[in-house]
C-alpha atoms as a PDB file:
ATOM      1  CA  UNK A   1     -23.626  -3.962  -8.220  1.00  0.00           C
ATOM      2  CA  UNK A   2     -23.713  -1.918 -11.438  1.00  0.00           C
ATOM      3  CA  UNK A   3     -21.100  -2.265 -14.172  1.00  0.00           C
ATOM      4  CA  UNK A   4     -19.836   1.336 -13.842  1.00  0.00           C
ATOM      5  CA  UNK A   5     -18.877   0.792 -10.208  1.00  0.00           C
ATOM      6  CA  UNK A   6     -17.085  -2.432 -11.132  1.00  0.00           C
ATOM      7  CA  UNK A   7     -15.105  -0.577 -13.811  1.00  0.00           C
ATOM      8  CA  UNK A   8     -14.112   2.076 -11.259  1.00  0.00           C
ATOM      9  CA  UNK A   9     -12.957  -0.655  -8.862  1.00  0.00           C
ATOM     10  CA  UNK A  10     -10.983  -2.522 -11.552  1.00  0.00           C
ATOM     11  CA  UNK A  11      -9.338   0.709 -12.716  1.00  0.00           C
ATOM     12  CA  UNK A  12      -8.336   1.406  -9.133  1.00  0.00           C
ATOM     13  CA  UNK A  13      -6.899  -2.083  -8.702  1.00  0.00           C
ATOM     14  CA  UNK A  14      -4.834  -1.616 -11.871  1.00  0.00           C
ATOM     15  CA  UNK A  15      -3.325   1.621 -10.526  1.00  0.00           C
ATOM     16  CA  UNK A  16      -2.558  -0.014  -7.183  1.00  0.00           C
ATOM     17  CA  UNK A  17      -0.881  -2.926  -8.986  1.00  0.00           C
ATOM     18  CA  UNK A  18       1.328  -0.526 -10.957  1.00  0.00           C
ATOM     19  CA  UNK A  19       2.411   1.248  -7.754  1.00  0.00           C
ATOM     20  CA  UNK A  20       3.337  -1.985  -5.969  1.00  0.00           C
ATOM     21  CA  UNK A  21       5.024  -3.374  -9.068  1.00  0.00           C
ATOM     22  CA  UNK A  22       7.276  -0.321  -9.308  1.00  0.00           C
ATOM     23  CA  UNK A  23       8.004  -0.420  -5.562  1.00  0.00           C
ATOM     24  CA  UNK A  24       9.114  -4.033  -5.936  1.00  0.00           C
ATOM     25  CA  UNK A  25      11.132  -3.561  -9.135  1.00  0.00           C
ATOM     26  CA  UNK A  26      12.963  -0.405  -8.010  1.00  0.00           C
ATOM     27  CA  UNK A  27      13.806  -1.883  -4.603  1.00  0.00           C
ATOM     28  CA  UNK A  28      14.860  -5.250  -6.052  1.00  0.00           C
ATOM     29  CA  UNK A  29      17.241  -3.460  -8.416  1.00  0.00           C
ATOM     30  CA  UNK A  30      18.648  -1.414  -5.530  1.00  0.00           C
ATOM     31  CA  UNK A  31      19.163  -4.545  -3.411  1.00  0.00           C
ATOM     32  CA  UNK A  32      21.579  -6.012  -5.949  1.00  0.00           C
ATOM     33  CA  UNK A  33      23.222  -2.750  -7.114  1.00  0.00           C
ATOM     34  CA  UNK A  34      21.465  -2.735 -10.479  1.00  0.00           C
ATOM     35  CA  UNK A  35      20.283   0.850 -10.186  1.00  0.00           C
ATOM     36  CA  UNK A  36      16.875   1.553  -8.757  1.00  0.00           C
ATOM     37  CA  UNK A  37      16.190   2.799  -5.243  1.00  0.00           C
ATOM     38  CA  UNK A  38      14.443   1.766  -2.055  1.00  0.00           C
ATOM     39  CA  UNK A  39      10.954   2.917  -2.819  1.00  0.00           C
ATOM     40  CA  UNK A  40       7.567   3.559  -1.295  1.00  0.00           C
ATOM     41  CA  UNK A  41       4.396   4.970  -2.811  1.00  0.00           C
ATOM     42  CA  UNK A  42       5.630   8.568  -2.919  1.00  0.00           C
ATOM     43  CA  UNK A  43       8.949   7.550  -4.499  1.00  0.00           C
ATOM     44  CA  UNK A  44       6.989   5.800  -7.251  1.00  0.00           C
ATOM     45  CA  UNK A  45       5.231   9.103  -8.021  1.00  0.00           C
ATOM     46  CA  UNK A  46       8.624  10.854  -8.142  1.00  0.00           C
ATOM     47  CA  UNK A  47       9.947   8.115 -10.450  1.00  0.00           C
ATOM     48  CA  UNK A  48       7.019   8.424 -12.857  1.00  0.00           C
ATOM     49  CA  UNK A  49       7.409  12.194 -12.992  1.00  0.00           C
ATOM     50  CA  UNK A  50      10.988  11.801 -14.279  1.00  0.00           C
ATOM     51  CA  UNK A  51      10.074   9.462 -17.141  1.00  0.00           C
ATOM     52  CA  UNK A  52       9.306  10.401 -20.732  1.00  0.00           C
ATOM     53  CA  UNK A  53       5.716  11.671 -20.873  1.00  0.00           C
ATOM     54  CA  UNK A  54       5.913  11.970 -17.087  1.00  0.00           C
ATOM     55  CA  UNK A  55       2.908  14.289 -16.846  1.00  0.00           C
ATOM     56  CA  UNK A  56       0.772  11.829 -18.799  1.00  0.00           C
ATOM     57  CA  UNK A  57       1.858   9.018 -16.471  1.00  0.00           C
ATOM     58  CA  UNK A  58       1.057  11.149 -13.431  1.00  0.00           C
ATOM     59  CA  UNK A  59      -2.416  11.941 -14.780  1.00  0.00           C
ATOM     60  CA  UNK A  60      -3.108   8.247 -15.400  1.00  0.00           C
ATOM     61  CA  UNK A  61      -1.836   7.079 -12.008  1.00  0.00           C
ATOM     62  CA  UNK A  62      -3.660   9.917 -10.184  1.00  0.00           C
ATOM     63  CA  UNK A  63      -6.946   9.040 -11.898  1.00  0.00           C
ATOM     64  CA  UNK A  64      -6.425   5.353 -11.165  1.00  0.00           C
ATOM     65  CA  UNK A  65      -5.678   5.964  -7.498  1.00  0.00           C
ATOM     66  CA  UNK A  66      -8.675   8.272  -7.204  1.00  0.00           C
ATOM     67  CA  UNK A  67     -10.776   5.407  -8.564  1.00  0.00           C
ATOM     68  CA  UNK A  68      -9.283   3.066  -5.972  1.00  0.00           C
ATOM     69  CA  UNK A  69      -9.835   5.573  -3.179  1.00  0.00           C
ATOM     70  CA  UNK A  70     -13.423   6.120  -4.318  1.00  0.00           C
ATOM     71  CA  UNK A  71     -14.058   2.366  -4.394  1.00  0.00           C
ATOM     72  CA  UNK A  72     -12.695   1.981  -0.866  1.00  0.00           C
ATOM     73  CA  UNK A  73     -14.814   4.879   0.407  1.00  0.00           C
ATOM     74  CA  UNK A  74     -17.867   3.291  -1.219  1.00  0.00           C
ATOM     75  CA  UNK A  75     -17.049  -0.072   0.403  1.00  0.00           C
ATOM     76  CA  UNK A  76     -16.659   1.600   3.791  1.00  0.00           C
ATOM     77  CA  UNK A  77     -19.841   3.670   3.645  1.00  0.00           C
ATOM     78  CA  UNK A  78     -22.313   1.815   1.404  1.00  0.00           C
ATOM     79  CA  UNK A  79     -21.133  -1.773   1.977  1.00  0.00           C
ATOM     80  CA  UNK A  80     -22.002  -2.955  -1.578  1.00  0.00           C
ATOM     81  CA  UNK A  81     -20.838  -6.534  -0.886  1.00  0.00           C
ATOM     82  CA  UNK A  82     -22.802  -6.916   2.352  1.00  0.00           C
ATOM     83  CA  UNK A  83     -19.832  -7.316   4.681  1.00  0.00           C
ATOM     84  CA  UNK A  84     -22.145  -6.493   7.558  1.00  0.00           C
ATOM     85  CA  UNK A  85     -22.483  -4.498  10.776  1.00  0.00           C
ATOM     86  CA  UNK A  86     -20.976  -6.993  13.233  1.00  0.00           C
ATOM     87  CA  UNK A  87     -17.597  -6.317  14.864  1.00  0.00           C
ATOM     88  CA  UNK A  88     -15.638  -8.062  12.118  1.00  0.00           C
ATOM     89  CA  UNK A  89     -17.572  -6.258   9.395  1.00  0.00           C
ATOM     90  CA  UNK A  90     -17.152  -2.860  11.020  1.00  0.00           C
ATOM     91  CA  UNK A  91     -13.408  -3.471  11.453  1.00  0.00           C
ATOM     92  CA  UNK A  92     -13.036  -4.349   7.770  1.00  0.00           C
ATOM     93  CA  UNK A  93     -15.038  -1.323   6.670  1.00  0.00           C
ATOM     94  CA  UNK A  94     -12.971   0.954   8.920  1.00  0.00           C
ATOM     95  CA  UNK A  95      -9.869  -0.534   7.285  1.00  0.00           C
ATOM     96  CA  UNK A  96     -11.351   0.308   3.879  1.00  0.00           C
ATOM     97  CA  UNK A  97     -11.875   3.894   5.031  1.00  0.00           C
ATOM     98  CA  UNK A  98      -8.252   4.241   6.171  1.00  0.00           C
ATOM     99  CA  UNK A  99      -7.059   2.682   2.913  1.00  0.00           C
ATOM    100  CA  UNK A 100      -9.184   5.199   0.987  1.00  0.00           C
ATOM    101  CA  UNK A 101      -7.558   8.098   2.849  1.00  0.00           C
ATOM    102  CA  UNK A 102      -4.054   6.754   2.208  1.00  0.00           C
ATOM    103  CA  UNK A 103      -4.549   6.323  -1.529  1.00  0.00           C
ATOM    104  CA  UNK A 104      -6.354   9.646  -1.766  1.00  0.00           C
ATOM    105  CA  UNK A 105      -3.254  11.295  -0.280  1.00  0.00           C
ATOM    106  CA  UNK A 106      -1.002   9.529  -2.816  1.00  0.00           C
ATOM    107  CA  UNK A 107      -3.266  10.665  -5.662  1.00  0.00           C
ATOM    108  CA  UNK A 108      -3.158  14.177  -4.196  1.00  0.00           C
ATOM    109  CA  UNK A 109       0.642  14.059  -4.174  1.00  0.00           C
ATOM    110  CA  UNK A 110       0.614  13.132  -7.875  1.00  0.00           C
ATOM    111  CA  UNK A 111      -1.750  16.023  -8.606  1.00  0.00           C
ATOM    112  CA  UNK A 112       0.515  18.442  -6.705  1.00  0.00           C
ATOM    113  CA  UNK A 113       3.427  17.227  -8.823  1.00  0.00           C
ATOM    114  CA  UNK A 114       1.397  18.027 -11.930  1.00  0.00           C
ATOM    115  CA  UNK A 115       0.603  21.503 -10.613  1.00  0.00           C
ATOM    116  CA  UNK A 116       4.235  22.032  -9.542  1.00  0.00           C
ATOM    117  CA  UNK A 117       3.133  22.753  -5.987  1.00  0.00           C
ATOM    118  CA  UNK A 118       4.465  19.517  -4.508  1.00  0.00           C
ATOM    119  CA  UNK A 119       8.050  19.954  -5.702  1.00  0.00           C
ATOM    120  CA  UNK A 120       8.898  23.082  -3.755  1.00  0.00           C
ATOM    121  CA  UNK A 121      11.391  22.237  -1.025  1.00  0.00           C
ATOM    122  CA  UNK A 122      10.297  25.303   0.931  1.00  0.00           C
ATOM    123  CA  UNK A 123       6.682  24.185   0.908  1.00  0.00           C
ATOM    124  CA  UNK A 124       7.619  20.621   1.784  1.00  0.00           C
ATOM    125  CA  UNK A 125       9.859  21.664   4.657  1.00  0.00           C
ATOM    126  CA  UNK A 126       7.143  23.979   5.957  1.00  0.00           C
ATOM    127  CA  UNK A 127       4.547  21.209   5.962  1.00  0.00           C
ATOM    128  CA  UNK A 128       6.992  18.844   7.638  1.00  0.00           C
ATOM    129  CA  UNK A 129       7.761  21.466  10.250  1.00  0.00           C
ATOM    130  CA  UNK A 130       4.069  21.991  11.002  1.00  0.00           C
ATOM    131  CA  UNK A 131       3.506  18.241  11.268  1.00  0.00           C
ATOM    132  CA  UNK A 132       6.548  17.783  13.491  1.00  0.00           C
ATOM    133  CA  UNK A 133       5.403  20.563  15.835  1.00  0.00           C
ATOM    134  CA  UNK A 134       1.962  18.944  16.087  1.00  0.00           C
ATOM    135  CA  UNK A 135       3.471  15.549  16.884  1.00  0.00           C
ATOM    136  CA  UNK A 136       5.819  16.729  19.607  1.00  0.00           C
ATOM    137  CA  UNK A 137       4.860  16.149  23.216  1.00  0.00           C
ATOM    138  CA  UNK A 138       2.120  13.881  24.534  1.00  0.00           C
ATOM    139  CA  UNK A 139      -0.081  14.277  21.439  1.00  0.00           C
ATOM    140  CA  UNK A 140       2.647  12.818  19.237  1.00  0.00           C
ATOM    141  CA  UNK A 141       3.232   9.921  21.602  1.00  0.00           C
ATOM    142  CA  UNK A 142      -0.454   8.960  21.545  1.00  0.00           C
ATOM    143  CA  UNK A 143      -0.670   9.328  17.771  1.00  0.00           C
ATOM    144  CA  UNK A 144       2.461   7.219  17.199  1.00  0.00           C
ATOM    145  CA  UNK A 145       1.295   4.582  19.675  1.00  0.00           C
ATOM    146  CA  UNK A 146      -2.106   4.374  17.946  1.00  0.00           C
ATOM    147  CA  UNK A 147      -0.483   4.093  14.514  1.00  0.00           C
ATOM    148  CA  UNK A 148       1.912   1.444  15.810  1.00  0.00           C
ATOM    149  CA  UNK A 149      -0.915  -0.644  17.292  1.00  0.00           C
ATOM    150  CA  UNK A 150      -2.880  -0.260  14.051  1.00  0.00           C
ATOM    151  CA  UNK A 151       0.112  -1.442  12.048  1.00  0.00           C
ATOM    152  CA  UNK A 152       0.554  -4.460  14.340  1.00  0.00           C
ATOM    153  CA  UNK A 153      -3.067  -5.403  13.637  1.00  0.00           C
ATOM    154  CA  UNK A 154      -2.623  -4.807   9.904  1.00  0.00           C
ATOM    155  CA  UNK A 155       0.507  -6.950   9.817  1.00  0.00           C
ATOM    156  CA  UNK A 156      -1.240  -9.736  11.726  1.00  0.00           C
ATOM    157  CA  UNK A 157      -4.179  -9.736   9.315  1.00  0.00           C
ATOM    158  CA  UNK A 158      -1.852  -9.859   6.301  1.00  0.00           C
ATOM    159  CA  UNK A 159      -0.220 -13.010   7.699  1.00  0.00           C
ATOM    160  CA  UNK A 160      -3.621 -14.412   8.727  1.00  0.00           C
ATOM    161  CA  UNK A 161      -5.055 -13.917   5.226  1.00  0.00           C
ATOM    162  CA  UNK A 162      -2.000 -15.598   3.728  1.00  0.00           C
ATOM    163  CA  UNK A 163      -2.046 -18.617   6.068  1.00  0.00           C
ATOM    164  CA  UNK A 164      -5.823 -19.122   5.926  1.00  0.00           C
ATOM    165  CA  UNK A 165      -5.882 -18.341   2.187  1.00  0.00           C
ATOM    166  CA  UNK A 166      -8.776 -15.935   2.727  1.00  0.00           C
ATOM    167  CA  UNK A 167      -7.597 -13.925  -0.293  1.00  0.00           C
ATOM    168  CA  UNK A 168      -8.791 -16.695  -2.614  1.00  0.00           C
ATOM    169  CA  UNK A 169     -12.422 -15.911  -1.765  1.00  0.00           C
ATOM    170  CA  UNK A 170     -12.296 -12.784  -3.924  1.00  0.00           C
ATOM    171  CA  UNK A 171     -11.917 -14.969  -7.028  1.00  0.00           C
ATOM    172  CA  UNK A 172     -14.509 -17.681  -6.455  1.00  0.00           C
ATOM    173  CA  UNK A 173     -11.370 -19.816  -6.551  1.00  0.00           C
ATOM    174  CA  UNK A 174     -13.046 -23.224  -6.564  1.00  0.00           C
ATOM    175  CA  UNK A 175     -14.796 -22.446  -9.829  1.00  0.00           C
ATOM    176  CA  UNK A 176     -11.526 -21.626 -11.687  1.00  0.00           C
ATOM    177  CA  UNK A 177     -10.685 -24.596 -13.886  1.00  0.00           C
ATOM    178  CA  UNK A 178      -7.429 -23.366 -15.470  1.00  0.00           C
ATOM    179  CA  UNK A 179      -4.558 -24.702 -13.330  1.00  0.00           C
ATOM    180  CA  UNK A 180      -2.004 -22.064 -14.370  1.00  0.00           C
ATOM    181  CA  UNK A 181      -4.362 -19.271 -13.349  1.00  0.00           C
ATOM    182  CA  UNK A 182      -5.095 -20.998 -10.037  1.00  0.00           C
ATOM    183  CA  UNK A 183      -1.381 -21.335  -9.230  1.00  0.00           C
ATOM    184  CA  UNK A 184      -0.652 -17.732 -10.192  1.00  0.00           C
ATOM    185  CA  UNK A 185      -3.410 -16.335  -7.976  1.00  0.00           C
ATOM    186  CA  UNK A 186      -2.560 -18.605  -5.057  1.00  0.00           C
ATOM    187  CA  UNK A 187       1.236 -18.235  -5.118  1.00  0.00           C
ATOM    188  CA  UNK A 188       1.432 -14.489  -5.823  1.00  0.00           C
ATOM    189  CA  UNK A 189      -1.275 -13.721  -3.274  1.00  0.00           C
ATOM    190  CA  UNK A 190       0.441 -15.792  -0.596  1.00  0.00           C
ATOM    191  CA  UNK A 191       3.936 -14.360  -1.186  1.00  0.00           C
ATOM    192  CA  UNK A 192       2.640 -10.819  -1.637  1.00  0.00           C
ATOM    193  CA  UNK A 193       0.680 -10.814   1.609  1.00  0.00           C
ATOM    194  CA  UNK A 194       3.664 -12.227   3.520  1.00  0.00           C
ATOM    195  CA  UNK A 195       5.874  -9.436   2.126  1.00  0.00           C
ATOM    196  CA  UNK A 196       3.314  -6.791   3.088  1.00  0.00           C
ATOM    197  CA  UNK A 197       3.001  -8.321   6.548  1.00  0.00           C
ATOM    198  CA  UNK A 198       6.765  -7.997   7.039  1.00  0.00           C
ATOM    199  CA  UNK A 199       6.787  -4.339   5.948  1.00  0.00           C
ATOM    200  CA  UNK A 200       3.849  -3.454   8.210  1.00  0.00           C
ATOM    201  CA  UNK A 201       5.516  -5.271  11.139  1.00  0.00           C
ATOM    202  CA  UNK A 202       8.717  -3.240  10.688  1.00  0.00           C
ATOM    203  CA  UNK A 203       6.748   0.011  10.475  1.00  0.00           C
ATOM    204  CA  UNK A 204       4.844  -0.965  13.633  1.00  0.00           C
ATOM    205  CA  UNK A 205       8.193  -1.467  15.390  1.00  0.00           C
ATOM    206  CA  UNK A 206       9.350   2.002  14.265  1.00  0.00           C
ATOM    207  CA  UNK A 207       6.239   3.793  15.523  1.00  0.00           C
ATOM    208  CA  UNK A 208       5.961   1.951  18.835  1.00  0.00           C
ATOM    209  CA  UNK A 209       9.680   2.407  19.531  1.00  0.00           C
ATOM    210  CA  UNK A 210       9.362   6.135  18.768  1.00  0.00           C
ATOM    211  CA  UNK A 211       6.320   6.435  21.069  1.00  0.00           C
ATOM    212  CA  UNK A 212       8.137   4.705  23.938  1.00  0.00           C
ATOM    213  CA  UNK A 213      11.202   6.913  23.437  1.00  0.00           C
ATOM    214  CA  UNK A 214       9.036  10.069  23.084  1.00  0.00           C
ATOM    215  CA  UNK A 215      10.789  10.686  19.762  1.00  0.00           C
ATOM    216  CA  UNK A 216       7.906  11.522  17.439  1.00  0.00           C
ATOM    217  CA  UNK A 217       9.576  14.028  15.131  1.00  0.00           C
ATOM    218  CA  UNK A 218      10.544  11.516  12.422  1.00  0.00           C
ATOM    219  CA  UNK A 219       7.782   9.734  10.518  1.00  0.00           C
ATOM    220  CA  UNK A 220       8.871   6.448   8.933  1.00  0.00           C
ATOM    221  CA  UNK A 221       7.651   4.997   5.638  1.00  0.00           C
ATOM    222  CA  UNK A 222       7.975   1.917   3.444  1.00  0.00           C
ATOM    223  CA  UNK A 223      11.323   3.234   2.219  1.00  0.00           C
ATOM    224  CA  UNK A 224      12.648   3.187   5.792  1.00  0.00           C
ATOM    225  CA  UNK A 225      11.354  -0.362   6.284  1.00  0.00           C
ATOM    226  CA  UNK A 226      13.321  -1.528   3.247  1.00  0.00           C
ATOM    227  CA  UNK A 227      16.394   0.355   4.504  1.00  0.00           C
ATOM    228  CA  UNK A 228      16.012  -1.424   7.856  1.00  0.00           C
ATOM    229  CA  UNK A 229      16.084  -4.786   6.071  1.00  0.00           C
ATOM    230  CA  UNK A 230      19.094  -3.717   3.997  1.00  0.00           C
ATOM    231  CA  UNK A 231      21.084  -2.793   7.109  1.00  0.00           C
ATOM    232  CA  UNK A 232      20.483  -6.191   8.766  1.00  0.00           C
ATOM    233  CA  UNK A 233      22.684  -9.296   8.310  1.00  0.00           C
ATOM    234  CA  UNK A 234      22.265 -10.613   4.745  1.00  0.00           C
ATOM    235  CA  UNK A 235      20.490  -7.324   4.152  1.00  0.00           C
ATOM    236  CA  UNK A 236      20.648  -7.281   0.345  1.00  0.00           C
ATOM    237  CA  UNK A 237      19.052 -10.719   0.155  1.00  0.00           C
ATOM    238  CA  UNK A 238      16.387  -9.923   2.725  1.00  0.00           C
ATOM    239  CA  UNK A 239      15.477  -6.655   1.020  1.00  0.00           C
ATOM    240  CA  UNK A 240      15.508  -8.383  -2.363  1.00  0.00           C
ATOM    241  CA  UNK A 241      13.228 -11.189  -1.178  1.00  0.00           C
ATOM    242  CA  UNK A 242      10.676  -8.788   0.304  1.00  0.00           C
ATOM    243  CA  UNK A 243      10.876  -6.614  -2.830  1.00  0.00           C
ATOM    244  CA  UNK A 244      10.198  -9.721  -4.930  1.00  0.00           C
ATOM    245  CA  UNK A 245       7.199 -10.329  -2.671  1.00  0.00           C
ATOM    246  CA  UNK A 246       5.931  -6.856  -3.545  1.00  0.00           C
ATOM    247  CA  UNK A 247       6.186  -7.751  -7.227  1.00  0.00           C
ATOM    248  CA  UNK A 248       4.178 -10.890  -6.480  1.00  0.00           C
ATOM    249  CA  UNK A 249       1.580  -8.736  -4.739  1.00  0.00           C
ATOM    250  CA  UNK A 250       1.418  -6.529  -7.827  1.00  0.00           C
ATOM    251  CA  UNK A 251       0.765  -9.569 -10.023  1.00  0.00           C
ATOM    252  CA  UNK A 252      -1.917 -10.748  -7.591  1.00  0.00           C
ATOM    253  CA  UNK A 253      -3.651  -7.346  -7.783  1.00  0.00           C
ATOM    254  CA  UNK A 254      -3.438  -7.436 -11.589  1.00  0.00           C
ATOM    255  CA  UNK A 255      -5.197 -10.801 -11.442  1.00  0.00           C
ATOM    256  CA  UNK A 256      -7.917  -9.092  -9.388  1.00  0.00           C
ATOM    257  CA  UNK A 257      -8.368  -6.533 -12.173  1.00  0.00           C
ATOM    258  CA  UNK A 258      -9.604  -9.246 -14.514  1.00  0.00           C
ATOM    259  CA  UNK A 259     -10.854 -12.076 -12.342  1.00  0.00           C
ATOM    260  CA  UNK A 260     -12.149 -10.614  -9.073  1.00  0.00           C
ATOM    261  CA  UNK A 261     -15.732 -11.541  -8.302  1.00  0.00           C
ATOM    262  CA  UNK A 262     -17.967  -8.877  -6.751  1.00  0.00           C
ATOM    263  CA  UNK A 263     -20.526 -10.123  -4.268  1.00  0.00           C
ATOM    264  CA  UNK A 264     -23.920  -8.461  -4.278  1.00  0.00           C
END
């Protein structure tokens, strides 16, 4: 794999780490009434826009997420690390493709903010209305059910990777001699994947429940998953723990920026 592609991938990982770090920090602060807000990827873009030099931050995060999306598309289509064409390989590459689309949409949202076309409430409400009309009826039920099933699978694989420690393979973990680095990668990866598994499981519950109830007009996001935790018994602590897990995931991704090994 050439060095330029590796730089694109590492730049993308850095942007992803920043997004998850801000999700975790903002939500952790909100959990214990220290300011902040329950946040998802789009809320992070809104937060960056409001900071000093907000446009510069939006340019940087948009470019970084475009790099990440491009890397995921390349993984899905070209298979640079020889994941393979068997069922497991195809499933992973399909997951890369979906991930690429998601992060491309987040980058697009940042670009719209820069162009002042994403901040218009009229435009936003119009798009939401069009999406809601498409998702009403049987079409919406099937779409929500498919998303819910996909999220169940995603949640399961997050927990599976954490328990089996599959995430360590990206680092050639056995060859790392520095104990502090080994602990950081292992602990943050484990806690981060568990936190992501919880969020995906809650989102799966939302979508499947909506499909069963034929109520497909309201699309849920990470923000709603955190709100769900906050409204449960010991909600502030639960939301805070999962938010801390997101910060751990951010640290784990930052470790990937420097130490990830690319198979060829």
